[in-house]
């Protein structure tokens, strides 16, 4: 029996936005009324831990009010016929709830927290995290989120997955935020690349690809069309 082909799916804020998840960054560059460096940087954390914790507590509460959309559910169907890896920039759990089973979170996970003194101490966390919540070693807990200026621990695993992909699906991302935007550069030269976004932005890595098909539409409609084609 021949080995199943491999699909690597790169997702960004656009796929979650259709479930009602706030995409944080407004047209003026603010995240929910905050300068991004106030709530998504080590400097912001050192300056005001209570503010940062509250920001992510609000995001965690909102996550309980939304459900996976048709795009999340359709991606699960690909596992019937392909080896599938989802590499997401999103910190929500909608891919998990949508049924996908192999997910790499590049930028961390909203429903986890970690120790400020031992980054290997990571805890599942459903409710608010407040000042005084500590790890087993006594250190304050912080959001398990990759902030601006921090390393992306999952990047190496993501690169390893994309090296041997037959198909790359890019969904709901501007392809402007690195290092995620550079992942396509590690794909085989003959990989088929499909880009689904209402406002697709063809960056340098995509310009170099001749096996690129663009779907300039929302994730919920574009993903359905592509999944139906791939499941033959």
Protein backbone atom coordinates (compact mmCIF):
# COMPACT_ATOMS: atom_id res chain seq x y z
CA UNK A 1 0.00 0.00 0.00
CA UNK A 2 1.44 3.36 -1.00
CA UNK A 3 2.14 5.98 1.64
CA UNK A 4 -0.51 8.64 2.02
CA UNK A 5 0.29 12.09 0.67
CA UNK A 6 0.97 14.80 3.22
CA UNK A 7 -0.91 18.07 3.59
CA UNK A 8 0.46 20.89 5.75
CA UNK A 9 -2.05 23.60 6.60
CA UNK A 10 -0.88 27.07 7.64
CA UNK A 11 -3.61 29.11 9.32
CA UNK A 12 -3.90 32.65 10.63
CA UNK A 13 -6.41 34.96 12.24
CA UNK A 14 -8.78 34.95 9.26
CA UNK A 15 -10.03 31.42 9.87
CA UNK A 16 -10.85 32.18 13.52
CA UNK A 17 -12.42 35.55 12.72
CA UNK A 18 -15.31 33.75 11.01
CA UNK A 19 -16.11 32.09 14.34
CA UNK A 20 -16.29 35.49 16.02
CA UNK A 21 -12.80 35.52 17.52
CA UNK A 22 -11.46 39.06 17.72
CA UNK A 23 -8.36 39.39 15.59
CA UNK A 24 -6.77 41.74 18.17
CA UNK A 25 -5.16 44.19 15.80
CA UNK A 26 -7.44 47.00 14.67
CA UNK A 27 -6.88 49.32 11.70
CA UNK A 28 -5.05 51.76 13.97
CA UNK A 29 -2.65 49.06 15.15
CA UNK A 30 -4.15 48.73 18.62
CA UNK A 31 -5.03 45.38 20.17
CA UNK A 32 -8.41 45.73 21.86
CA UNK A 33 -7.53 49.35 22.64
CA UNK A 34 -4.02 48.55 23.88
CA UNK A 35 -0.69 49.23 22.30
CA UNK A 36 0.60 45.80 21.31
CA UNK A 37 3.74 46.22 23.40
CA UNK A 38 1.63 46.71 26.54
CA UNK A 39 0.03 43.28 26.35
CA UNK A 40 2.23 41.15 24.09
CA UNK A 41 5.85 41.78 25.04
CA UNK A 42 8.20 40.90 27.90
CA UNK A 43 8.52 44.64 28.57
CA UNK A 44 4.76 45.00 28.95
CA UNK A 45 4.71 42.05 31.34
CA UNK A 46 7.41 43.55 33.52
CA UNK A 47 5.62 46.88 33.56
CA UNK A 48 2.10 45.70 34.42
CA UNK A 49 1.48 42.01 35.00
CA UNK A 50 -2.12 42.56 36.12
CA UNK A 51 -2.98 44.31 32.85
CA UNK A 52 -1.45 41.55 30.75
CA UNK A 53 -3.18 38.80 32.73
CA UNK A 54 -6.52 40.58 32.39
CA UNK A 55 -6.07 40.98 28.64
CA UNK A 56 -5.63 37.24 28.14
CA UNK A 57 -8.32 36.41 30.69
CA UNK A 58 -10.76 38.33 28.52
CA UNK A 59 -9.60 36.44 25.43
CA UNK A 60 -10.00 33.13 27.29
CA UNK A 61 -13.53 34.05 28.34
CA UNK A 62 -14.45 34.97 24.78
CA UNK A 63 -13.14 31.63 23.54
CA UNK A 64 -15.86 29.89 25.57
CA UNK A 65 -18.55 31.74 23.60
CA UNK A 66 -17.49 30.63 20.09
CA UNK A 67 -17.43 27.36 18.17
CA UNK A 68 -15.45 26.00 15.21
CA UNK A 69 -16.77 27.12 11.85
CA UNK A 70 -17.24 25.26 8.57
CA UNK A 71 -13.59 25.74 7.61
CA UNK A 72 -12.28 24.10 10.79
CA UNK A 73 -14.70 21.19 10.35
CA UNK A 74 -13.83 20.71 6.68
CA UNK A 75 -10.10 20.50 7.38
CA UNK A 76 -10.75 17.51 9.64
CA UNK A 77 -12.17 15.63 6.64
CA UNK A 78 -8.78 15.67 4.93
CA UNK A 79 -7.50 13.20 7.52
CA UNK A 80 -9.61 10.50 5.86
CA UNK A 81 -7.26 10.44 2.90
CA UNK A 82 -4.08 12.33 3.82
CA UNK A 83 -1.49 12.73 6.52
CA UNK A 84 -2.43 16.18 7.82
CA UNK A 85 -0.50 18.66 9.97
CA UNK A 86 -2.01 22.00 10.99
CA UNK A 87 0.51 24.75 11.77
CA UNK A 88 -1.38 27.70 13.20
CA UNK A 89 -0.49 31.20 14.28
CA UNK A 90 -3.73 31.27 16.28
CA UNK A 91 -3.75 30.77 20.04
CA UNK A 92 -7.34 29.51 20.25
CA UNK A 93 -8.39 25.85 20.34
CA UNK A 94 -10.83 25.89 17.42
CA UNK A 95 -8.75 23.49 15.33
CA UNK A 96 -8.76 21.02 18.20
CA UNK A 97 -12.47 21.39 18.71
CA UNK A 98 -12.99 21.11 14.97
CA UNK A 99 -11.49 17.64 15.08
CA UNK A 100 -7.98 18.07 13.68
CA UNK A 101 -5.59 15.77 15.49
CA UNK A 102 -2.07 16.99 14.65
CA UNK A 103 -1.66 20.69 15.47
CA UNK A 104 1.40 22.87 16.04
CA UNK A 105 0.74 26.22 17.73
CA UNK A 106 3.50 28.59 16.65
CA UNK A 107 2.46 31.43 18.93
CA UNK A 108 1.34 29.50 22.00
CA UNK A 109 -2.04 28.52 23.39
CA UNK A 110 -4.62 30.65 25.16
CA UNK A 111 -5.84 27.75 27.29
CA UNK A 112 -2.43 27.14 28.81
CA UNK A 113 -0.20 29.07 31.22
CA UNK A 114 3.41 28.55 32.16
CA UNK A 115 5.83 29.31 34.93
CA UNK A 116 7.85 32.51 34.78
CA UNK A 117 10.72 30.69 36.48
CA UNK A 118 10.72 27.39 34.61
CA UNK A 119 9.38 27.53 31.06
CA UNK A 120 8.98 23.75 30.97
CA UNK A 121 6.24 23.96 33.61
CA UNK A 122 3.12 24.37 31.46
CA UNK A 123 -0.41 23.93 32.75
CA UNK A 124 -3.81 23.55 31.08
CA UNK A 125 -5.89 26.55 32.19
CA UNK A 126 -9.58 27.11 31.57
CA UNK A 127 -10.42 30.14 33.71
CA UNK A 128 -8.80 33.42 34.78
CA UNK A 129 -5.13 33.53 35.71
CA UNK A 130 -4.40 36.22 38.31
CA UNK A 131 -1.55 37.60 40.35
CA UNK A 132 -0.73 35.02 43.01
CA UNK A 133 -1.36 32.00 40.77
CA UNK A 134 1.92 30.12 40.97
CA UNK A 135 3.61 27.04 39.58
CA UNK A 136 4.71 24.18 41.80
CA UNK A 137 8.08 25.91 42.26
CA UNK A 138 6.43 29.08 43.52
CA UNK A 139 6.85 31.29 40.46
CA UNK A 140 4.06 33.48 39.09
CA UNK A 141 2.21 31.98 36.12
CA UNK A 142 2.01 33.86 32.82
CA UNK A 143 0.11 33.29 29.55
CA UNK A 144 1.58 30.51 27.42
CA UNK A 145 1.87 32.93 24.50
CA UNK A 146 4.86 33.81 22.34
CA UNK A 147 5.21 37.56 22.70
CA UNK A 148 6.99 39.99 20.41
CA UNK A 149 10.72 39.66 20.89
CA UNK A 150 10.51 36.07 22.17
CA UNK A 151 11.76 32.94 20.43
CA UNK A 152 9.26 30.66 18.68
CA UNK A 153 9.95 27.24 20.25
CA UNK A 154 7.67 25.33 17.85
CA UNK A 155 9.32 26.73 14.72
CA UNK A 156 11.78 23.88 14.28
CA UNK A 157 9.00 21.29 14.49
CA UNK A 158 6.99 23.26 11.93
CA UNK A 159 9.92 23.37 9.50
CA UNK A 160 10.45 19.62 9.90
CA UNK A 161 6.83 18.98 8.95
CA UNK A 162 6.83 21.15 5.85
CA UNK A 163 9.99 19.65 4.30
CA UNK A 164 8.14 16.67 2.82
CA UNK A 165 4.68 18.12 2.20
CA UNK A 166 2.91 17.32 -1.06
CA UNK A 167 0.32 20.05 -0.58
CA UNK A 168 0.43 23.34 1.37
CA UNK A 169 -2.82 25.07 2.34
CA UNK A 170 -2.49 28.68 3.49
CA UNK A 171 -5.69 29.97 5.10
CA UNK A 172 -6.63 33.35 6.57
CA UNK A 173 -3.19 34.88 6.96
CA UNK A 174 -1.52 37.93 5.46
CA UNK A 175 1.74 36.05 4.90
CA UNK A 176 3.53 39.11 6.26
CA UNK A 177 4.36 38.05 9.83
CA UNK A 178 7.65 36.20 10.18
CA UNK A 179 8.81 33.58 10.90
CA UNK A 180 5.46 32.00 9.95
CA UNK A 181 5.41 33.76 6.56
CA UNK A 182 8.74 32.17 5.66
CA UNK A 183 7.67 28.57 6.22
CA UNK A 184 6.63 28.08 2.59
CA UNK A 185 10.28 28.50 1.64
CA UNK A 186 11.03 25.12 3.23
CA UNK A 187 8.46 23.22 1.15
CA UNK A 188 9.54 20.97 -1.73
CA UNK A 189 9.75 22.74 -5.08
CA UNK A 190 7.01 20.54 -6.54
CA UNK A 191 4.55 21.01 -3.67
CA UNK A 192 1.12 22.29 -4.62
CA UNK A 193 0.31 25.51 -2.78
CA UNK A 194 -3.22 26.81 -2.24
CA UNK A 195 -3.82 30.23 -0.68
CA UNK A 196 -7.29 31.04 0.68
CA UNK A 197 -7.84 34.61 1.92
CA UNK A 198 -10.22 37.45 1.02
CA UNK A 199 -7.23 39.75 0.53
CA UNK A 200 -4.32 37.49 -0.42
CA UNK A 201 -0.87 38.99 -0.12
CA UNK A 202 1.69 37.30 -2.33
CA UNK A 203 4.98 37.61 -0.48
CA UNK A 204 8.46 36.77 -1.76
CA UNK A 205 8.24 33.08 -0.93
CA UNK A 206 4.97 32.72 -2.83
CA UNK A 207 6.20 34.73 -5.81
CA UNK A 208 8.90 32.10 -6.32
CA UNK A 209 6.34 29.29 -6.65
CA UNK A 210 4.85 28.27 -9.97
CA UNK A 211 2.43 25.73 -8.45
CA UNK A 212 0.35 28.32 -6.61
CA UNK A 213 -3.43 28.64 -6.76
CA UNK A 214 -5.16 31.54 -5.03
CA UNK A 215 -8.72 31.54 -3.71
CA UNK A 216 -9.56 35.21 -2.95
CA UNK A 217 -12.43 34.43 -0.60
CA UNK A 218 -13.37 33.68 2.98
CA UNK A 219 -12.09 30.54 4.68
CA UNK A 220 -15.53 28.99 5.13
CA UNK A 221 -16.22 28.97 1.38
CA UNK A 222 -12.70 28.54 0.00
CA UNK A 223 -11.77 25.65 2.27
CA UNK A 224 -14.95 23.76 1.37
CA UNK A 225 -14.21 24.06 -2.35
CA UNK A 226 -10.63 22.91 -1.95
CA UNK A 227 -11.39 20.03 0.41
CA UNK A 228 -14.03 18.71 -2.00
CA UNK A 229 -11.44 18.77 -4.78
CA UNK A 230 -8.71 17.08 -2.75
CA UNK A 231 -11.00 14.31 -1.50
CA UNK A 232 -11.37 12.33 -4.72
